């Protein structure tokens, strides 16, 4: 009797047979696939000096009935750079002209500056997360229609990373946790610690914000690779 040829097995057939054997040997469990990559691409942006204003302060600085005029959408949905700018005057009476206002309006006016800005103005600024303005220095804001004195609200913004719930789940972190950012650039590979996680809703895109001093220090413009790193710290707090 002539020998019969065995039917050939495809790769999919072989993989299915292997899974079935493993399932029987392991009591019904099967090998799990390697975890997928991060749900969203990482973007690192420099957040230059800027100002947030209340609706009331917009009218004082730019005129009765005035509202902010969007000119450029920011990376995060719903936020924009406005056409309006203000001058920031510090205790030394030195001035930073043409500081961009960002919208939409907030419940409290706030100015975010870099360390070199604070030296120029003669302000000793604490490192704070945006919105945490209690017991911070103030300044004089000057617009085309008027001026106002802020009693508080001028900060150095803490470096931070915006994350959606999916991002936080993938990285295993919560809002307020500390992470690190590793930046590879030409002749200047640096790890920045104390990067605060700022959790948001599903619309939030994965984005790191550095100020201009930090971006220049790590040569971000010429970076070839950026990556987030889990930190040994459980939370991040910089109030000084």
C-alpha atoms as a PDB file:
ATOM      1  CA  UNK A   1       0.000   0.000   0.000  1.00  0.00           C
ATOM      2  CA  UNK A   2       1.542   3.379  -0.953  1.00  0.00           C
ATOM      3  CA  UNK A   3       2.313   5.737   1.916  1.00  0.00           C
ATOM      4  CA  UNK A   4      -0.108   8.595   2.384  1.00  0.00           C
ATOM      5  CA  UNK A   5       1.223  12.142   2.683  1.00  0.00           C
ATOM      6  CA  UNK A   6       0.371  13.940   5.948  1.00  0.00           C
ATOM      7  CA  UNK A   7      -1.479  17.234   5.464  1.00  0.00           C
ATOM      8  CA  UNK A   8       0.755  20.253   5.974  1.00  0.00           C
ATOM      9  CA  UNK A   9       0.091  22.526   8.968  1.00  0.00           C
ATOM     10  CA  UNK A  10       0.056  26.270   8.731  1.00  0.00           C
ATOM     11  CA  UNK A  11       1.798  28.493  11.287  1.00  0.00           C
ATOM     12  CA  UNK A  12      -1.606  29.383  12.756  1.00  0.00           C
ATOM     13  CA  UNK A  13      -2.448  25.674  13.168  1.00  0.00           C
ATOM     14  CA  UNK A  14       0.844  25.030  14.948  1.00  0.00           C
ATOM     15  CA  UNK A  15       0.353  28.002  17.303  1.00  0.00           C
ATOM     16  CA  UNK A  16      -3.172  26.810  18.118  1.00  0.00           C
ATOM     17  CA  UNK A  17      -1.928  23.303  18.923  1.00  0.00           C
ATOM     18  CA  UNK A  18       0.826  24.698  21.162  1.00  0.00           C
ATOM     19  CA  UNK A  19      -1.687  26.852  23.049  1.00  0.00           C
ATOM     20  CA  UNK A  20      -3.979  23.853  23.544  1.00  0.00           C
ATOM     21  CA  UNK A  21      -1.115  21.759  24.950  1.00  0.00           C
ATOM     22  CA  UNK A  22      -0.053  24.588  27.299  1.00  0.00           C
ATOM     23  CA  UNK A  23      -3.638  25.058  28.412  1.00  0.00           C
ATOM     24  CA  UNK A  24      -3.935  21.379  29.414  1.00  0.00           C
ATOM     25  CA  UNK A  25      -0.548  21.343  31.150  1.00  0.00           C
ATOM     26  CA  UNK A  26      -1.160  24.586  33.061  1.00  0.00           C
ATOM     27  CA  UNK A  27      -4.648  23.747  34.235  1.00  0.00           C
ATOM     28  CA  UNK A  28      -6.503  25.770  31.644  1.00  0.00           C
ATOM     29  CA  UNK A  29      -4.364  28.895  31.635  1.00  0.00           C
ATOM     30  CA  UNK A  30      -2.675  30.143  28.493  1.00  0.00           C
ATOM     31  CA  UNK A  31       0.371  32.283  27.990  1.00  0.00           C
ATOM     32  CA  UNK A  32      -0.477  35.970  27.871  1.00  0.00           C
ATOM     33  CA  UNK A  33       0.719  38.275  25.161  1.00  0.00           C
ATOM     34  CA  UNK A  34       3.356  40.863  25.880  1.00  0.00           C
ATOM     35  CA  UNK A  35       1.827  44.123  27.115  1.00  0.00           C
ATOM     36  CA  UNK A  36       1.049  46.675  24.439  1.00  0.00           C
ATOM     37  CA  UNK A  37       2.886  49.976  24.247  1.00  0.00           C
ATOM     38  CA  UNK A  38       1.696  53.235  25.774  1.00  0.00           C
ATOM     39  CA  UNK A  39      -1.815  54.251  24.675  1.00  0.00           C
ATOM     40  CA  UNK A  40      -0.670  57.716  23.538  1.00  0.00           C
ATOM     41  CA  UNK A  41       2.534  59.190  22.083  1.00  0.00           C
ATOM     42  CA  UNK A  42       4.671  61.302  24.421  1.00  0.00           C
ATOM     43  CA  UNK A  43       5.025  64.983  23.540  1.00  0.00           C
ATOM     44  CA  UNK A  44       7.379  67.339  25.406  1.00  0.00           C
ATOM     45  CA  UNK A  45       6.735  71.056  25.028  1.00  0.00           C
ATOM     46  CA  UNK A  46       8.308  74.195  26.444  1.00  0.00           C
ATOM     47  CA  UNK A  47       5.809  76.425  28.210  1.00  0.00           C
ATOM     48  CA  UNK A  48       7.170  79.956  27.899  1.00  0.00           C
ATOM     49  CA  UNK A  49       6.282  82.710  30.363  1.00  0.00           C
ATOM     50  CA  UNK A  50       2.554  83.437  30.255  1.00  0.00           C
ATOM     51  CA  UNK A  51      -0.412  84.807  32.155  1.00  0.00           C
ATOM     52  CA  UNK A  52      -3.893  83.512  33.028  1.00  0.00           C
ATOM     53  CA  UNK A  53      -6.613  86.076  33.731  1.00  0.00           C
ATOM     54  CA  UNK A  54     -10.088  86.235  35.201  1.00  0.00           C
ATOM     55  CA  UNK A  55     -12.870  87.750  33.080  1.00  0.00           C
ATOM     56  CA  UNK A  56     -12.911  90.785  35.388  1.00  0.00           C
ATOM     57  CA  UNK A  57      -9.187  91.380  34.958  1.00  0.00           C
ATOM     58  CA  UNK A  58      -9.458  91.040  31.161  1.00  0.00           C
ATOM     59  CA  UNK A  59     -11.884  93.976  31.159  1.00  0.00           C
ATOM     60  CA  UNK A  60      -9.674  96.050  33.466  1.00  0.00           C
ATOM     61  CA  UNK A  61      -6.573  95.504  31.324  1.00  0.00           C
ATOM     62  CA  UNK A  62      -8.103  95.546  27.832  1.00  0.00           C
ATOM     63  CA  UNK A  63     -11.334  97.488  28.126  1.00  0.00           C
ATOM     64  CA  UNK A  64     -14.958  97.139  29.211  1.00  0.00           C
ATOM     65  CA  UNK A  65     -16.719  94.285  27.452  1.00  0.00           C
ATOM     66  CA  UNK A  66     -13.497  92.852  26.024  1.00  0.00           C
ATOM     67  CA  UNK A  67     -12.927  89.105  25.858  1.00  0.00           C
ATOM     68  CA  UNK A  68      -9.834  87.127  24.925  1.00  0.00           C
ATOM     69  CA  UNK A  69      -9.160  86.676  21.214  1.00  0.00           C
ATOM     70  CA  UNK A  70      -7.849  83.165  20.365  1.00  0.00           C
ATOM     71  CA  UNK A  71      -5.029  83.177  17.812  1.00  0.00           C
ATOM     72  CA  UNK A  72      -3.459  79.729  18.236  1.00  0.00           C
ATOM     73  CA  UNK A  73      -4.762  76.466  19.668  1.00  0.00           C
ATOM     74  CA  UNK A  74      -2.513  74.791  22.213  1.00  0.00           C
ATOM     75  CA  UNK A  75      -1.777  71.062  22.226  1.00  0.00           C
ATOM     76  CA  UNK A  76      -4.421  70.333  24.860  1.00  0.00           C
ATOM     77  CA  UNK A  77      -7.952  70.586  23.500  1.00  0.00           C
ATOM     78  CA  UNK A  78      -9.880  73.713  24.503  1.00  0.00           C
ATOM     79  CA  UNK A  79      -6.826  75.804  25.427  1.00  0.00           C
ATOM     80  CA  UNK A  80      -5.344  78.576  23.318  1.00  0.00           C
ATOM     81  CA  UNK A  81      -2.862  81.434  23.096  1.00  0.00           C
ATOM     82  CA  UNK A  82      -4.684  84.742  22.956  1.00  0.00           C
ATOM     83  CA  UNK A  83      -3.859  87.795  20.903  1.00  0.00           C
ATOM     84  CA  UNK A  84      -3.701  89.841  24.106  1.00  0.00           C
ATOM     85  CA  UNK A  85      -0.435  90.431  25.978  1.00  0.00           C
ATOM     86  CA  UNK A  86       0.415  92.226  29.224  1.00  0.00           C
ATOM     87  CA  UNK A  87       3.503  93.733  30.798  1.00  0.00           C
ATOM     88  CA  UNK A  88       4.703  92.242  34.098  1.00  0.00           C
ATOM     89  CA  UNK A  89       6.321  94.724  36.501  1.00  0.00           C
ATOM     90  CA  UNK A  90       8.250  93.501  39.536  1.00  0.00           C
ATOM     91  CA  UNK A  91       9.375  95.202  42.756  1.00  0.00           C
ATOM     92  CA  UNK A  92      12.554  96.458  41.112  1.00  0.00           C
ATOM     93  CA  UNK A  93      10.292  98.287  38.649  1.00  0.00           C
ATOM     94  CA  UNK A  94      11.822  96.168  35.931  1.00  0.00           C
ATOM     95  CA  UNK A  95       9.393  95.001  33.289  1.00  0.00           C
ATOM     96  CA  UNK A  96       8.773  91.968  31.098  1.00  0.00           C
ATOM     97  CA  UNK A  97       6.813  93.279  28.094  1.00  0.00           C
ATOM     98  CA  UNK A  98       4.461  91.363  25.831  1.00  0.00           C
ATOM     99  CA  UNK A  99       3.755  88.387  28.099  1.00  0.00           C
ATOM    100  CA  UNK A 100       1.198  86.210  26.339  1.00  0.00           C
ATOM    101  CA  UNK A 101      -2.232  85.630  27.887  1.00  0.00           C
ATOM    102  CA  UNK A 102      -3.553  82.062  27.620  1.00  0.00           C
ATOM    103  CA  UNK A 103      -7.228  81.170  27.534  1.00  0.00           C
ATOM    104  CA  UNK A 104      -9.839  80.400  28.510  1.00  0.00           C
ATOM    105  CA  UNK A 105     -10.260  82.665  31.548  1.00  0.00           C
ATOM    106  CA  UNK A 106      -9.781  81.221  35.019  1.00  0.00           C
ATOM    107  CA  UNK A 107     -11.170  81.794  38.470  1.00  0.00           C
ATOM    108  CA  UNK A 108      -7.893  83.393  39.621  1.00  0.00           C
ATOM    109  CA  UNK A 109      -5.330  85.384  37.694  1.00  0.00           C
ATOM    110  CA  UNK A 110      -1.878  83.833  37.650  1.00  0.00           C
ATOM    111  CA  UNK A 111       1.541  84.519  36.113  1.00  0.00           C
ATOM    112  CA  UNK A 112       3.976  81.678  35.310  1.00  0.00           C
ATOM    113  CA  UNK A 113       7.638  82.627  34.881  1.00  0.00           C
ATOM    114  CA  UNK A 114      11.002  80.900  34.562  1.00  0.00           C
ATOM    115  CA  UNK A 115      13.785  81.274  37.131  1.00  0.00           C
ATOM    116  CA  UNK A 116      15.729  83.769  35.003  1.00  0.00           C
ATOM    117  CA  UNK A 117      12.558  85.877  34.690  1.00  0.00           C
ATOM    118  CA  UNK A 118      12.191  85.962  38.466  1.00  0.00           C
ATOM    119  CA  UNK A 119      15.801  87.113  38.877  1.00  0.00           C
ATOM    120  CA  UNK A 120      15.245  89.884  36.346  1.00  0.00           C
ATOM    121  CA  UNK A 121      12.118  91.116  38.130  1.00  0.00           C
ATOM    122  CA  UNK A 122      13.565  90.767  41.626  1.00  0.00           C
ATOM    123  CA  UNK A 123      10.989  88.183  42.716  1.00  0.00           C
ATOM    124  CA  UNK A 124      11.665  85.168  44.932  1.00  0.00           C
ATOM    125  CA  UNK A 125       9.222  82.736  43.345  1.00  0.00           C
ATOM    126  CA  UNK A 126       8.124  79.372  44.745  1.00  0.00           C
ATOM    127  CA  UNK A 127       7.881  76.298  42.524  1.00  0.00           C
ATOM    128  CA  UNK A 128       4.188  75.470  42.401  1.00  0.00           C
ATOM    129  CA  UNK A 129       1.787  73.478  40.299  1.00  0.00           C
ATOM    130  CA  UNK A 130      -0.523  75.713  38.293  1.00  0.00           C
ATOM    131  CA  UNK A 131      -3.461  76.934  40.385  1.00  0.00           C
ATOM    132  CA  UNK A 132      -1.645  76.634  43.726  1.00  0.00           C
ATOM    133  CA  UNK A 133      -1.104  80.332  44.363  1.00  0.00           C
ATOM    134  CA  UNK A 134      -1.708  80.773  48.094  1.00  0.00           C
ATOM    135  CA  UNK A 135       1.075  82.740  49.811  1.00  0.00           C
ATOM    136  CA  UNK A 136       2.888  83.534  46.570  1.00  0.00           C
ATOM    137  CA  UNK A 137       4.305  86.924  45.474  1.00  0.00           C
ATOM    138  CA  UNK A 138       2.305  89.383  43.426  1.00  0.00           C
ATOM    139  CA  UNK A 139       3.161  91.844  40.681  1.00  0.00           C
ATOM    140  CA  UNK A 140       1.808  94.731  38.647  1.00  0.00           C
ATOM    141  CA  UNK A 141       0.007  93.843  35.406  1.00  0.00           C
ATOM    142  CA  UNK A 142      -0.182  96.532  32.746  1.00  0.00           C
ATOM    143  CA  UNK A 143      -2.466  96.381  29.709  1.00  0.00           C
ATOM    144  CA  UNK A 144      -3.462  98.854  26.988  1.00  0.00           C
ATOM    145  CA  UNK A 145      -6.595  99.970  28.879  1.00  0.00           C
ATOM    146  CA  UNK A 146      -5.460  99.839  32.491  1.00  0.00           C
ATOM    147  CA  UNK A 147      -3.355  98.190  35.165  1.00  0.00           C
ATOM    148  CA  UNK A 148      -3.906  96.155  38.315  1.00  0.00           C
ATOM    149  CA  UNK A 149      -1.882  94.949  41.261  1.00  0.00           C
ATOM    150  CA  UNK A 150      -1.935  91.205  41.924  1.00  0.00           C
ATOM    151  CA  UNK A 151      -1.501  90.496  45.621  1.00  0.00           C
ATOM    152  CA  UNK A 152      -0.463  86.929  44.824  1.00  0.00           C
ATOM    153  CA  UNK A 153      -0.301  84.571  41.874  1.00  0.00           C
ATOM    154  CA  UNK A 154       3.221  84.722  40.446  1.00  0.00           C
ATOM    155  CA  UNK A 155       4.947  81.308  40.404  1.00  0.00           C
ATOM    156  CA  UNK A 156       7.609  79.196  38.816  1.00  0.00           C
ATOM    157  CA  UNK A 157       5.575  76.383  37.297  1.00  0.00           C
ATOM    158  CA  UNK A 158       6.580  72.919  38.446  1.00  0.00           C
ATOM    159  CA  UNK A 159       7.549  70.630  35.583  1.00  0.00           C
ATOM    160  CA  UNK A 160       4.679  68.244  35.002  1.00  0.00           C
ATOM    161  CA  UNK A 161       3.126  65.662  32.694  1.00  0.00           C
ATOM    162  CA  UNK A 162      -0.526  65.697  31.662  1.00  0.00           C
ATOM    163  CA  UNK A 163      -2.081  62.219  31.607  1.00  0.00           C
ATOM    164  CA  UNK A 164      -5.447  60.696  30.771  1.00  0.00           C
ATOM    165  CA  UNK A 165      -6.843  57.834  32.884  1.00  0.00           C
ATOM    166  CA  UNK A 166      -5.537  55.372  30.262  1.00  0.00           C
ATOM    167  CA  UNK A 167      -2.043  56.874  30.473  1.00  0.00           C
ATOM    168  CA  UNK A 168      -2.007  56.715  34.279  1.00  0.00           C
ATOM    169  CA  UNK A 169      -3.208  53.108  34.221  1.00  0.00           C
ATOM    170  CA  UNK A 170      -0.510  52.080  31.741  1.00  0.00           C
ATOM    171  CA  UNK A 171       2.271  53.790  33.714  1.00  0.00           C
ATOM    172  CA  UNK A 172       0.853  52.687  37.066  1.00  0.00           C
ATOM    173  CA  UNK A 173       0.740  56.197  38.531  1.00  0.00           C
ATOM    174  CA  UNK A 174      -1.843  58.533  40.028  1.00  0.00           C
ATOM    175  CA  UNK A 175      -2.355  62.269  39.861  1.00  0.00           C
ATOM    176  CA  UNK A 176       0.205  63.923  42.138  1.00  0.00           C
ATOM    177  CA  UNK A 177       2.803  61.163  41.783  1.00  0.00           C
ATOM    178  CA  UNK A 178       6.371  61.970  40.787  1.00  0.00           C
ATOM    179  CA  UNK A 179       8.020  60.721  37.609  1.00  0.00           C
ATOM    180  CA  UNK A 180      11.254  61.531  35.785  1.00  0.00           C
ATOM    181  CA  UNK A 181      11.939  62.595  32.219  1.00  0.00           C
ATOM    182  CA  UNK A 182      15.040  61.379  30.390  1.00  0.00           C
ATOM    183  CA  UNK A 183      16.119  63.549  27.470  1.00  0.00           C
ATOM    184  CA  UNK A 184      18.786  62.474  24.995  1.00  0.00           C
ATOM    185  CA  UNK A 185      20.165  65.389  22.984  1.00  0.00           C
ATOM    186  CA  UNK A 186      23.437  66.299  21.306  1.00  0.00           C
ATOM    187  CA  UNK A 187      26.100  66.044  23.993  1.00  0.00           C
ATOM    188  CA  UNK A 188      23.544  66.640  26.748  1.00  0.00           C
ATOM    189  CA  UNK A 189      21.684  63.591  28.050  1.00  0.00           C
ATOM    190  CA  UNK A 190      19.794  64.581  31.202  1.00  0.00           C
ATOM    191  CA  UNK A 191      17.262  63.143  33.640  1.00  0.00           C
ATOM    192  CA  UNK A 192      14.818  65.631  35.156  1.00  0.00           C
ATOM    193  CA  UNK A 193      13.251  64.429  38.398  1.00  0.00           C
ATOM    194  CA  UNK A 194      10.196  65.707  40.299  1.00  0.00           C
ATOM    195  CA  UNK A 195       7.953  65.643  37.253  1.00  0.00           C
ATOM    196  CA  UNK A 196       4.440  65.807  38.688  1.00  0.00           C
ATOM    197  CA  UNK A 197       1.629  63.740  37.184  1.00  0.00           C
ATOM    198  CA  UNK A 198      -1.436  65.867  36.431  1.00  0.00           C
ATOM    199  CA  UNK A 199      -4.351  63.537  35.817  1.00  0.00           C
ATOM    200  CA  UNK A 200      -7.314  64.551  33.691  1.00  0.00           C
ATOM    201  CA  UNK A 201     -10.179  63.120  31.676  1.00  0.00           C
ATOM    202  CA  UNK A 202     -10.098  61.044  28.485  1.00  0.00           C
ATOM    203  CA  UNK A 203      -9.554  64.162  26.330  1.00  0.00           C
ATOM    204  CA  UNK A 204      -6.171  64.873  27.912  1.00  0.00           C
ATOM    205  CA  UNK A 205      -3.157  64.144  25.708  1.00  0.00           C
ATOM    206  CA  UNK A 206       0.110  62.799  27.104  1.00  0.00           C
ATOM    207  CA  UNK A 207       2.255  65.930  27.327  1.00  0.00           C
ATOM    208  CA  UNK A 208       5.189  67.133  29.426  1.00  0.00           C
ATOM    209  CA  UNK A 209       5.548  70.853  30.153  1.00  0.00           C
ATOM    210  CA  UNK A 210       8.975  72.345  30.877  1.00  0.00           C
ATOM    211  CA  UNK A 211       9.768  76.027  31.291  1.00  0.00           C
ATOM    212  CA  UNK A 212      12.225  77.819  29.019  1.00  0.00           C
ATOM    213  CA  UNK A 213      15.166  77.464  31.420  1.00  0.00           C
ATOM    214  CA  UNK A 214      14.647  73.701  31.682  1.00  0.00           C
ATOM    215  CA  UNK A 215      14.145  73.279  27.939  1.00  0.00           C
ATOM    216  CA  UNK A 216      17.354  75.163  27.182  1.00  0.00           C
ATOM    217  CA  UNK A 217      19.315  73.267  29.845  1.00  0.00           C
ATOM    218  CA  UNK A 218      18.487  69.875  28.291  1.00  0.00           C
ATOM    219  CA  UNK A 219      18.846  71.168  24.710  1.00  0.00           C
ATOM    220  CA  UNK A 220      15.300  70.031  24.007  1.00  0.00           C
ATOM    221  CA  UNK A 221      15.242  71.554  20.531  1.00  0.00           C
ATOM    222  CA  UNK A 222      17.881  69.024  19.413  1.00  0.00           C
ATOM    223  CA  UNK A 223      16.612  66.060  21.450  1.00  0.00           C
ATOM    224  CA  UNK A 224      16.751  62.688  19.716  1.00  0.00           C
ATOM    225  CA  UNK A 225      14.815  60.746  22.344  1.00  0.00           C
ATOM    226  CA  UNK A 226      12.574  61.495  25.317  1.00  0.00           C
ATOM    227  CA  UNK A 227      11.146  58.956  27.741  1.00  0.00           C
ATOM    228  CA  UNK A 228       9.184  58.893  30.975  1.00  0.00           C
ATOM    229  CA  UNK A 229      10.607  56.974  33.926  1.00  0.00           C
ATOM    230  CA  UNK A 230       8.879  55.720  37.028  1.00  0.00           C
ATOM    231  CA  UNK A 231      10.172  57.469  40.136  1.00  0.00           C
ATOM    232  CA  UNK A 232      10.920  55.968  43.516  1.00  0.00           C
ATOM    233  CA  UNK A 233       9.052  58.891  45.069  1.00  0.00           C
ATOM    234  CA  UNK A 234       5.354  58.302  45.732  1.00  0.00           C
ATOM    235  CA  UNK A 235       4.392  61.936  45.404  1.00  0.00           C
ATOM    236  CA  UNK A 236       5.817  65.256  44.330  1.00  0.00           C
ATOM    237  CA  UNK A 237       5.737  68.400  46.430  1.00  0.00           C
ATOM    238  CA  UNK A 238       7.796  71.516  45.837  1.00  0.00           C
ATOM    239  CA  UNK A 239       6.710  74.497  47.958  1.00  0.00           C
ATOM    240  CA  UNK A 240       9.530  76.820  48.826  1.00  0.00           C
END
